[in-house]
N, C-alpha and C. Protein backbone atom coordinates (compact mmCIF):
# COMPACT_ATOMS: atom_id res chain seq x y z
N MET A 1 1.16 -3.62 -15.46
CA MET A 1 0.18 -3.25 -14.73
C MET A 1 0.45 -1.86 -13.64
N PRO A 2 -0.26 -0.86 -13.23
CA PRO A 2 0.04 0.39 -12.63
C PRO A 2 0.59 -0.12 -10.99
N SER A 3 1.08 0.36 -10.62
CA SER A 3 1.91 0.48 -9.11
C SER A 3 1.51 1.48 -8.35
N TYR A 4 1.38 1.25 -7.29
CA TYR A 4 1.30 2.20 -6.00
C TYR A 4 1.67 2.04 -4.76
N LEU A 5 2.59 2.83 -4.03
CA LEU A 5 3.12 2.83 -3.05
C LEU A 5 2.06 3.66 -1.58
N ILE A 6 1.82 2.83 -1.30
CA ILE A 6 0.54 3.27 -0.12
C ILE A 6 1.10 3.20 1.16
N THR A 7 0.75 4.45 2.02
CA THR A 7 1.66 4.51 3.47
C THR A 7 0.66 5.06 4.40
N TYR A 8 0.74 4.34 5.24
CA TYR A 8 -0.59 5.20 6.58
C TYR A 8 -0.30 5.09 7.74
N ASP A 9 -0.86 5.83 8.17
CA ASP A 9 -1.02 6.03 10.16
C ASP A 9 -2.71 6.30 10.55
N LEU A 10 -2.54 4.88 11.32
CA LEU A 10 -3.41 4.95 12.25
C LEU A 10 -3.30 5.61 13.90
N TYR A 11 -4.21 6.11 13.92
CA TYR A 11 -4.62 7.14 15.28
C TYR A 11 -5.39 6.24 16.50
N ALA A 12 -4.96 6.57 17.68
CA ALA A 12 -5.98 5.92 18.56
C ALA A 12 -7.22 6.99 18.61
N PRO A 13 -8.52 5.87 18.95
CA PRO A 13 -8.43 4.87 18.92
C PRO A 13 -9.06 3.93 18.07
N THR A 14 -8.13 3.23 18.17
CA THR A 14 -8.50 2.54 16.35
C THR A 14 -7.89 1.25 16.74
N THR A 15 -9.29 0.39 16.04
CA THR A 15 -9.16 -0.93 15.65
C THR A 15 -9.27 -1.86 14.75
N ASN A 16 -8.81 -0.94 13.56
CA ASN A 16 -8.95 -0.89 12.06
C ASN A 16 -7.90 -1.37 11.53
N ARG A 17 -6.52 -2.14 12.48
CA ARG A 17 -5.18 -2.30 11.81
C ARG A 17 -5.87 -3.41 10.62
N GLU A 18 -6.15 -4.36 10.91
CA GLU A 18 -6.27 -5.46 10.52
C GLU A 18 -7.27 -5.47 9.35
N LYS A 19 -8.01 -4.63 9.69
CA LYS A 19 -9.09 -4.71 8.47
C LYS A 19 -8.29 -3.74 6.98
N VAL A 20 -8.00 -2.70 7.37
CA VAL A 20 -6.67 -1.49 6.24
C VAL A 20 -5.63 -2.47 5.87
N GLU A 21 -5.04 -3.41 6.80
CA GLU A 21 -4.03 -4.51 5.88
C GLU A 21 -4.74 -5.23 4.89
N GLN A 22 -6.27 -6.37 5.53
CA GLN A 22 -6.62 -6.98 4.58
C GLN A 22 -6.99 -6.42 2.93
N ARG A 23 -7.44 -5.11 3.26
CA ARG A 23 -8.22 -4.31 2.14
C ARG A 23 -6.90 -3.72 1.29
N ILE A 24 -5.82 -3.39 1.64
CA ILE A 24 -4.64 -3.22 0.64
C ILE A 24 -4.38 -4.24 0.15
N GLN A 25 -4.47 -5.97 0.84
CA GLN A 25 -3.93 -6.59 0.20
C GLN A 25 -4.49 -7.64 -1.29
N SER A 26 -5.83 -7.14 -0.78
CA SER A 26 -7.20 -7.45 -1.38
C SER A 26 -7.17 -6.96 -2.92
N LEU A 27 -6.23 -5.78 -2.94
CA LEU A 27 -6.49 -4.81 -4.02
C LEU A 27 -5.87 -5.48 -5.40
N GLY A 28 -4.85 -6.43 -4.94
CA GLY A 28 -3.42 -7.16 -5.94
C GLY A 28 -2.36 -7.42 -5.50
N GLY A 29 -1.27 -7.96 -6.30
CA GLY A 29 0.04 -8.14 -5.90
C GLY A 29 0.64 -7.09 -4.79
N TRP A 30 1.15 -7.87 -3.88
CA TRP A 30 1.68 -6.34 -3.08
C TRP A 30 3.03 -7.20 -2.01
N ILE A 31 3.61 -6.10 -1.62
CA ILE A 31 4.94 -6.57 -0.71
C ILE A 31 4.11 -4.94 0.20
N LYS A 32 4.63 -5.95 1.73
CA LYS A 32 4.65 -4.67 3.02
C LYS A 32 6.46 -4.65 3.09
N PRO A 33 7.20 -3.79 2.68
CA PRO A 33 8.37 -3.68 3.08
C PRO A 33 8.88 -2.37 4.15
N CYS A 34 7.74 -2.08 4.45
CA CYS A 34 7.96 -1.36 6.09
C CYS A 34 6.66 -1.68 6.76
N THR A 35 6.60 -1.02 7.94
CA THR A 35 5.23 -1.30 9.06
C THR A 35 4.09 -1.19 8.48
N THR A 36 4.39 0.06 7.87
CA THR A 36 2.46 0.68 7.25
C THR A 36 2.90 1.09 6.03
N THR A 37 3.46 0.48 5.62
CA THR A 37 3.81 0.94 3.89
C THR A 37 3.56 -0.33 2.86
N TYR A 38 2.91 -0.15 2.18
CA TYR A 38 2.93 -1.85 1.18
C TYR A 38 3.22 -0.65 -0.55
N ILE A 39 3.77 -1.50 -1.40
CA ILE A 39 3.96 -1.41 -2.80
C ILE A 39 2.93 -2.57 -3.38
N ILE A 40 2.04 -2.02 -4.42
CA ILE A 40 1.29 -2.81 -4.80
C ILE A 40 1.02 -2.69 -6.45
N THR A 41 0.76 -3.92 -7.12
CA THR A 41 0.38 -3.71 -8.22
C THR A 41 -1.23 -4.06 -8.63
N THR A 42 -1.86 -3.30 -9.12
CA THR A 42 -3.80 -3.28 -9.91
C THR A 42 -3.79 -2.93 -10.42
N LEU A 43 -5.27 -3.24 -11.19
CA LEU A 43 -5.73 -2.56 -12.48
C LEU A 43 -6.42 -1.46 -11.43
N TYR A 44 -6.98 -0.99 -10.70
CA TYR A 44 -7.74 -0.18 -10.26
C TYR A 44 -6.40 1.54 -10.02
N SER A 45 -7.56 2.08 -10.60
CA SER A 45 -7.02 3.70 -10.44
C SER A 45 -6.35 3.75 -9.19
N ILE A 46 -5.88 5.07 -8.68
CA ILE A 46 -5.38 5.26 -7.73
C ILE A 46 -6.94 6.22 -6.85
N ASN A 47 -7.89 7.15 -7.24
CA ASN A 47 -8.94 7.06 -6.76
C ASN A 47 -9.33 6.20 -6.35
N GLU A 48 -9.76 5.08 -7.17
CA GLU A 48 -10.52 3.71 -6.40
C GLU A 48 -9.76 3.28 -5.92
N ILE A 49 -8.94 3.26 -5.37
CA ILE A 49 -7.85 2.89 -4.23
C ILE A 49 -8.06 3.88 -3.14
N LEU A 50 -8.12 4.97 -3.23
CA LEU A 50 -8.62 5.86 -2.29
C LEU A 50 -9.74 5.33 -1.56
N GLU A 51 -10.74 5.43 -2.20
CA GLU A 51 -12.06 4.93 -2.15
C GLU A 51 -12.54 3.97 -1.28
N LYS A 52 -11.42 2.98 -1.96
CA LYS A 52 -11.89 1.62 -1.03
C LYS A 52 -11.24 1.48 -0.01
N LEU A 53 -9.53 2.51 0.54
CA LEU A 53 -9.39 2.65 1.57
C LEU A 53 -10.22 3.39 2.49
N LYS A 54 -10.71 4.25 2.64
CA LYS A 54 -11.47 5.44 3.01
C LYS A 54 -12.32 4.79 4.02
N SER A 55 -13.09 3.94 3.47
CA SER A 55 -13.86 3.19 4.16
C SER A 55 -13.63 2.32 5.20
N VAL A 56 -12.20 1.98 5.31
CA VAL A 56 -12.10 1.20 6.61
C VAL A 56 -10.90 1.92 7.48
N LEU A 57 -10.64 2.98 7.08
CA LEU A 57 -10.04 4.54 7.92
C LEU A 57 -11.14 5.07 9.00
N ASP A 58 -10.26 5.44 10.01
CA ASP A 58 -11.14 6.50 10.73
C ASP A 58 -10.76 7.96 10.29
N ASP A 59 -11.85 8.85 10.85
CA ASP A 59 -11.58 10.36 10.55
C ASP A 59 -10.01 10.92 10.79
N ASN A 60 -9.19 10.46 12.08
CA ASN A 60 -8.21 11.29 12.25
C ASN A 60 -6.60 10.17 11.45
N ASP A 61 -6.78 9.29 10.68
CA ASP A 61 -5.92 8.14 10.17
C ASP A 61 -5.56 9.25 9.20
N ARG A 62 -4.17 8.54 8.77
CA ARG A 62 -3.69 9.55 7.59
C ARG A 62 -3.29 8.38 6.91
N LEU A 63 -3.11 8.77 4.98
CA LEU A 63 -3.47 8.04 4.07
C LEU A 63 -2.23 8.41 3.12
N ILE A 64 -1.65 8.17 2.11
CA ILE A 64 -1.21 8.63 0.55
C ILE A 64 -0.62 7.20 0.12
N VAL A 65 -1.23 7.26 -1.36
CA VAL A 65 -1.00 6.64 -2.51
C VAL A 65 -0.41 7.69 -3.60
N VAL A 66 0.88 7.07 -4.06
CA VAL A 66 1.35 7.43 -5.08
C VAL A 66 1.93 6.61 -5.96
N ASP A 67 2.08 6.96 -7.32
CA ASP A 67 1.95 6.05 -8.26
C ASP A 67 3.38 6.00 -8.68
N VAL A 68 3.87 4.49 -8.63
CA VAL A 68 5.56 4.27 -8.64
C VAL A 68 6.24 3.56 -10.04
N LYS A 69 7.34 3.56 -10.01
CA LYS A 69 7.69 3.17 -11.38
C LYS A 69 9.25 2.71 -10.92
N GLN A 70 9.50 2.17 -11.57
CA GLN A 70 11.01 2.29 -11.66
C GLN A 70 12.06 3.18 -11.90
N PRO A 71 13.13 3.48 -11.79
CA PRO A 71 13.86 2.53 -10.38
C PRO A 71 13.28 2.83 -9.53
N ILE A 72 13.14 2.21 -8.48
CA ILE A 72 13.11 2.42 -6.65
C ILE A 72 14.74 1.99 -6.00
N TYR A 73 14.88 2.87 -5.51
CA TYR A 73 15.90 2.45 -4.56
C TYR A 73 15.56 2.53 -3.00
N GLY A 74 16.72 1.79 -2.28
CA GLY A 74 16.47 1.54 -0.89
C GLY A 74 17.00 0.23 -0.44
N GLN A 75 16.97 0.09 1.27
CA GLN A 75 17.71 -0.84 1.91
C GLN A 75 16.32 -1.86 1.96
N LEU A 76 16.64 -2.74 1.10
CA LEU A 76 15.49 -3.95 1.80
C LEU A 76 15.63 -5.17 1.90
N PRO A 77 15.08 -6.21 2.09
CA PRO A 77 15.15 -7.48 1.87
C PRO A 77 15.43 -8.14 0.28
N ASN A 78 16.43 -9.08 -0.05
CA ASN A 78 16.52 -9.41 -0.98
C ASN A 78 15.08 -9.70 -1.86
N ALA A 79 14.20 -10.57 -0.86
CA ALA A 79 13.15 -10.97 -1.28
C ALA A 79 11.81 -9.80 -2.22
N ASP A 80 12.19 -8.47 -1.39
CA ASP A 80 11.43 -7.60 -1.79
C ASP A 80 11.97 -6.62 -2.72
N LYS A 81 13.27 -6.66 -2.79
CA LYS A 81 13.62 -6.41 -4.38
C LYS A 81 13.64 -7.10 -5.15
N LYS A 82 13.65 -8.04 -5.36
CA LYS A 82 13.24 -9.33 -6.47
C LYS A 82 11.52 -8.95 -6.67
N TRP A 83 10.70 -9.13 -5.87
CA TRP A 83 9.69 -8.44 -6.32
C TRP A 83 9.51 -7.41 -6.89
N ILE A 84 9.88 -6.03 -6.88
CA ILE A 84 10.15 -4.65 -7.07
C ILE A 84 10.46 -5.41 -8.87
N ARG A 85 11.83 -5.80 -8.69
CA ARG A 85 12.28 -6.11 -9.78
C ARG A 85 11.16 -7.22 -11.16
N GLU A 86 10.48 -7.47 -10.39
CA GLU A 86 9.72 -8.39 -11.49
C GLU A 86 8.38 -8.23 -11.52
N ASN A 87 7.99 -7.12 -10.68
CA ASN A 87 6.57 -6.82 -10.80
C ASN A 87 6.62 -5.15 -11.26
N LEU A 88 7.50 -4.45 -11.42
CA LEU A 88 7.01 -2.98 -11.56
C LEU A 88 7.90 -2.77 -12.65
């Protein structure tokens, strides 16, 4: 299943943090290794992900979606490393 890294910045005045996170989490399997970064597994294409997330972002917010594959290196909790190993 395709995997993507999603990272975003929300700028004031914003009240949509919860909506953005709920939308990302609704896309498929996920972990949140950093404050505004997710790694997800989903059957959606990268363009479909962008369209689904744009609808909950403000014009001044920032969003990056990147296709990811193993190997992934980083300083992460063991639970996140395990999720990556089992899902990517």
